[in-house]
N, C-alpha and C. Protein backbone atom coordinates (compact mmCIF):
# COMPACT_ATOMS: atom_id res chain seq x y z
N UNK A 1 0.82 -1.16 0.00
CA UNK A 1 0.00 0.00 0.00
C UNK A 1 0.87 1.24 0.00
N UNK A 2 0.92 1.86 -1.11
CA UNK A 2 1.66 3.10 -1.20
C UNK A 2 3.17 2.91 -1.21
N UNK A 3 3.64 1.65 -1.26
CA UNK A 3 5.09 1.41 -1.27
C UNK A 3 5.58 1.40 -2.71
N UNK A 4 6.74 1.91 -2.87
CA UNK A 4 7.36 1.96 -4.19
C UNK A 4 8.39 0.84 -4.27
N UNK A 5 8.36 0.11 -5.39
CA UNK A 5 9.37 -0.93 -5.58
C UNK A 5 10.72 -0.26 -5.73
N UNK A 6 11.68 -0.76 -4.99
CA UNK A 6 13.02 -0.20 -5.12
C UNK A 6 13.82 -1.03 -6.10
N UNK A 7 14.68 -0.38 -6.80
CA UNK A 7 15.55 -1.06 -7.75
C UNK A 7 16.81 -1.48 -7.02
N UNK A 8 17.38 -2.63 -7.38
CA UNK A 8 18.63 -3.03 -6.73
C UNK A 8 19.71 -2.01 -7.02
N UNK A 9 20.47 -1.73 -6.01
CA UNK A 9 21.55 -0.75 -6.20
C UNK A 9 22.69 -1.41 -6.94
N UNK A 10 23.40 -0.63 -7.70
CA UNK A 10 24.54 -1.16 -8.42
C UNK A 10 25.72 -1.24 -7.46
N UNK A 11 26.65 -2.17 -7.72
CA UNK A 11 27.80 -2.29 -6.83
C UNK A 11 28.62 -1.00 -6.86
N UNK A 12 29.29 -0.68 -5.75
CA UNK A 12 30.08 0.53 -5.72
C UNK A 12 31.20 0.47 -6.75
N UNK A 13 31.51 1.61 -7.29
CA UNK A 13 32.55 1.70 -8.30
C UNK A 13 33.88 1.94 -7.60
N UNK A 14 34.69 0.90 -7.53
CA UNK A 14 36.00 1.02 -6.90
C UNK A 14 37.03 1.30 -7.97
N UNK A 15 37.61 2.47 -7.91
CA UNK A 15 38.62 2.82 -8.90
C UNK A 15 39.99 2.28 -8.52
N UNK A 16 40.11 1.77 -7.28
CA UNK A 16 41.38 1.22 -6.85
C UNK A 16 41.47 -0.23 -7.27
N UNK A 17 42.70 -0.71 -7.44
CA UNK A 17 42.88 -2.11 -7.79
C UNK A 17 42.65 -2.96 -6.55
N UNK A 18 42.51 -4.25 -6.77
CA UNK A 18 42.32 -5.17 -5.66
C UNK A 18 43.53 -5.09 -4.73
N UNK A 19 43.34 -5.17 -3.42
CA UNK A 19 44.44 -5.10 -2.48
C UNK A 19 45.53 -6.13 -2.74
N UNK A 20 45.14 -7.35 -3.10
CA UNK A 20 46.15 -8.37 -3.34
C UNK A 20 47.00 -8.03 -4.56
N UNK A 21 46.40 -7.44 -5.59
CA UNK A 21 47.16 -7.04 -6.76
C UNK A 21 48.17 -5.97 -6.41
N UNK A 22 47.76 -4.99 -5.65
CA UNK A 22 48.67 -3.91 -5.31
C UNK A 22 49.76 -4.41 -4.35
N UNK A 23 49.43 -5.32 -3.44
CA UNK A 23 50.42 -5.87 -2.54
C UNK A 23 51.44 -6.69 -3.32
N UNK A 24 50.96 -7.47 -4.28
CA UNK A 24 51.88 -8.24 -5.12
C UNK A 24 52.85 -7.34 -5.85
N UNK A 25 52.37 -6.24 -6.39
CA UNK A 25 53.26 -5.34 -7.12
C UNK A 25 54.24 -4.66 -6.17
N UNK A 26 53.80 -4.31 -4.96
CA UNK A 26 54.72 -3.72 -3.98
C UNK A 26 55.81 -4.70 -3.58
N UNK A 27 55.42 -5.95 -3.37
CA UNK A 27 56.41 -6.96 -2.99
C UNK A 27 57.42 -7.20 -4.11
N UNK A 28 56.94 -7.22 -5.34
CA UNK A 28 57.84 -7.41 -6.48
C UNK A 28 58.80 -6.22 -6.61
N UNK A 29 58.27 -5.02 -6.41
CA UNK A 29 59.11 -3.83 -6.50
C UNK A 29 60.17 -3.85 -5.39
N UNK A 30 59.76 -4.19 -4.19
CA UNK A 30 60.70 -4.22 -3.07
C UNK A 30 61.75 -5.31 -3.26
N UNK A 31 61.33 -6.45 -3.79
CA UNK A 31 62.27 -7.55 -4.01
C UNK A 31 63.33 -7.17 -5.04
N UNK A 32 62.96 -6.34 -5.99
CA UNK A 32 63.90 -5.92 -7.03
C UNK A 32 64.71 -4.69 -6.63
N UNK A 33 64.38 -4.06 -5.51
CA UNK A 33 65.03 -2.83 -5.07
C UNK A 33 66.50 -3.09 -4.79
N UNK A 34 67.37 -2.42 -5.52
CA UNK A 34 68.81 -2.53 -5.32
C UNK A 34 69.34 -3.94 -5.55
N UNK A 35 68.69 -4.69 -6.42
CA UNK A 35 69.07 -6.08 -6.65
C UNK A 35 70.46 -6.15 -7.28
N UNK A 36 71.33 -6.91 -6.64
CA UNK A 36 72.69 -7.11 -7.13
C UNK A 36 72.95 -8.61 -7.10
N UNK A 37 73.27 -9.19 -8.23
CA UNK A 37 73.43 -10.64 -8.34
C UNK A 37 74.56 -11.17 -7.45
N UNK A 38 75.52 -10.34 -7.09
CA UNK A 38 76.67 -10.79 -6.30
C UNK A 38 76.43 -10.73 -4.79
N UNK A 39 75.28 -10.25 -4.36
CA UNK A 39 75.01 -10.11 -2.94
C UNK A 39 74.46 -11.40 -2.34
N UNK A 40 74.66 -11.55 -1.05
CA UNK A 40 74.09 -12.69 -0.34
C UNK A 40 72.59 -12.48 -0.19
N UNK A 41 71.89 -13.55 0.14
CA UNK A 41 70.45 -13.43 0.35
C UNK A 41 70.13 -12.51 1.52
N UNK A 42 70.96 -12.54 2.56
CA UNK A 42 70.75 -11.65 3.71
C UNK A 42 70.85 -10.19 3.29
N UNK A 43 71.85 -9.87 2.47
CA UNK A 43 72.03 -8.49 2.01
C UNK A 43 70.88 -8.07 1.10
N UNK A 44 70.44 -8.98 0.23
CA UNK A 44 69.31 -8.67 -0.66
C UNK A 44 68.04 -8.43 0.16
N UNK A 45 67.82 -9.27 1.17
CA UNK A 45 66.63 -9.12 2.01
C UNK A 45 66.66 -7.80 2.75
N UNK A 46 67.82 -7.43 3.27
CA UNK A 46 67.93 -6.16 4.00
C UNK A 46 67.68 -4.98 3.07
N UNK A 47 68.23 -5.02 1.86
CA UNK A 47 67.99 -3.93 0.90
C UNK A 47 66.52 -3.86 0.53
N UNK A 48 65.90 -5.00 0.34
CA UNK A 48 64.48 -5.03 -0.02
C UNK A 48 63.64 -4.41 1.10
N UNK A 49 64.02 -4.66 2.34
CA UNK A 49 63.28 -4.07 3.47
C UNK A 49 63.44 -2.55 3.52
N UNK A 50 64.50 -2.03 2.95
CA UNK A 50 64.75 -0.59 2.96
C UNK A 50 64.01 0.14 1.83
N UNK A 51 63.36 -0.60 0.95
CA UNK A 51 62.63 0.01 -0.16
C UNK A 51 61.52 0.90 0.38
N UNK A 52 61.45 2.16 -0.08
CA UNK A 52 60.41 3.06 0.40
C UNK A 52 58.99 2.61 0.03
N UNK A 53 58.86 1.72 -0.94
CA UNK A 53 57.53 1.28 -1.36
C UNK A 53 56.83 0.42 -0.32
N UNK A 54 57.57 -0.15 0.63
CA UNK A 54 56.94 -0.95 1.67
C UNK A 54 57.14 -0.35 3.06
N UNK A 55 57.63 0.85 3.14
CA UNK A 55 57.89 1.48 4.44
C UNK A 55 56.62 1.55 5.29
N UNK A 56 55.49 1.86 4.66
CA UNK A 56 54.23 1.95 5.42
C UNK A 56 53.81 0.60 5.98
N UNK A 57 54.17 -0.48 5.32
CA UNK A 57 53.84 -1.81 5.83
C UNK A 57 54.71 -2.18 7.04
N UNK A 58 55.94 -1.73 7.02
CA UNK A 58 56.87 -2.01 8.12
C UNK A 58 56.58 -1.16 9.34
N UNK A 59 55.96 0.00 9.15
CA UNK A 59 55.71 0.89 10.29
C UNK A 59 54.32 0.69 10.88
N UNK A 60 53.54 -0.21 10.32
CA UNK A 60 52.18 -0.46 10.81
C UNK A 60 52.19 -1.34 12.06
N UNK A 61 51.01 -1.66 12.55
CA UNK A 61 50.91 -2.46 13.77
C UNK A 61 51.49 -3.87 13.64
N UNK A 62 51.58 -4.38 12.44
CA UNK A 62 52.14 -5.73 12.21
C UNK A 62 53.50 -5.64 11.52
N UNK A 63 54.19 -4.54 11.71
CA UNK A 63 55.46 -4.30 11.02
C UNK A 63 56.50 -5.36 11.24
N UNK A 64 56.65 -5.80 12.48
CA UNK A 64 57.65 -6.83 12.78
C UNK A 64 57.31 -8.13 12.08
N UNK A 65 56.05 -8.52 12.16
CA UNK A 65 55.63 -9.77 11.50
C UNK A 65 55.78 -9.66 10.00
N UNK A 66 55.43 -8.48 9.44
CA UNK A 66 55.59 -8.29 8.00
C UNK A 66 57.05 -8.43 7.60
N UNK A 67 57.93 -7.77 8.35
CA UNK A 67 59.36 -7.80 8.03
C UNK A 67 59.89 -9.23 8.06
N UNK A 68 59.52 -9.99 9.09
CA UNK A 68 59.97 -11.38 9.18
C UNK A 68 59.45 -12.22 8.02
N UNK A 69 58.18 -12.05 7.68
CA UNK A 69 57.59 -12.82 6.58
C UNK A 69 58.21 -12.41 5.24
N UNK A 70 58.47 -11.12 5.08
CA UNK A 70 59.03 -10.64 3.83
C UNK A 70 60.45 -11.16 3.63
N UNK A 71 61.25 -11.16 4.70
CA UNK A 71 62.61 -11.70 4.61
C UNK A 71 62.55 -13.19 4.25
N UNK A 72 61.63 -13.91 4.84
CA UNK A 72 61.43 -15.32 4.50
C UNK A 72 61.08 -15.47 3.03
N UNK A 73 60.20 -14.61 2.52
CA UNK A 73 59.80 -14.63 1.11
C UNK A 73 61.01 -14.38 0.19
N UNK A 74 61.82 -13.39 0.55
CA UNK A 74 62.99 -13.04 -0.27
C UNK A 74 63.99 -14.21 -0.30
N UNK A 75 64.20 -14.83 0.84
CA UNK A 75 65.19 -15.89 0.95
C UNK A 75 64.69 -17.23 0.39
N UNK A 76 63.40 -17.36 0.19
CA UNK A 76 62.83 -18.63 -0.24
C UNK A 76 63.31 -19.01 -1.64
N UNK A 77 63.58 -20.26 -1.80
CA UNK A 77 63.97 -20.76 -3.12
C UNK A 77 62.87 -21.63 -3.72
N UNK A 78 61.78 -21.81 -2.97
CA UNK A 78 60.67 -22.61 -3.46
C UNK A 78 59.91 -21.86 -4.55
N UNK A 79 59.36 -22.62 -5.47
CA UNK A 79 58.58 -22.03 -6.55
C UNK A 79 57.25 -21.52 -6.00
N UNK A 80 56.83 -20.35 -6.44
CA UNK A 80 55.56 -19.78 -5.98
C UNK A 80 54.41 -20.62 -6.49
N UNK A 81 53.35 -20.68 -5.68
CA UNK A 81 52.16 -21.43 -6.08
C UNK A 81 51.19 -20.50 -6.72
């Protein structure tokens, strides 16, 4: 009685990329930061952690855990799934 049928709303228009896509690109950029083939894995991992592209991730509430996981990722020799 007197009610108007509502139309389904359209999904919000997100102009940003998916978070996982942007995180993947940040990790790839950091991993390549200052890459030198003659360096040890420890040195490469440390340089990658110094990349400004991931500074905000290291300074967040999970910064320590992120840093540890990222170093593990850099040092890993296993093929990505």
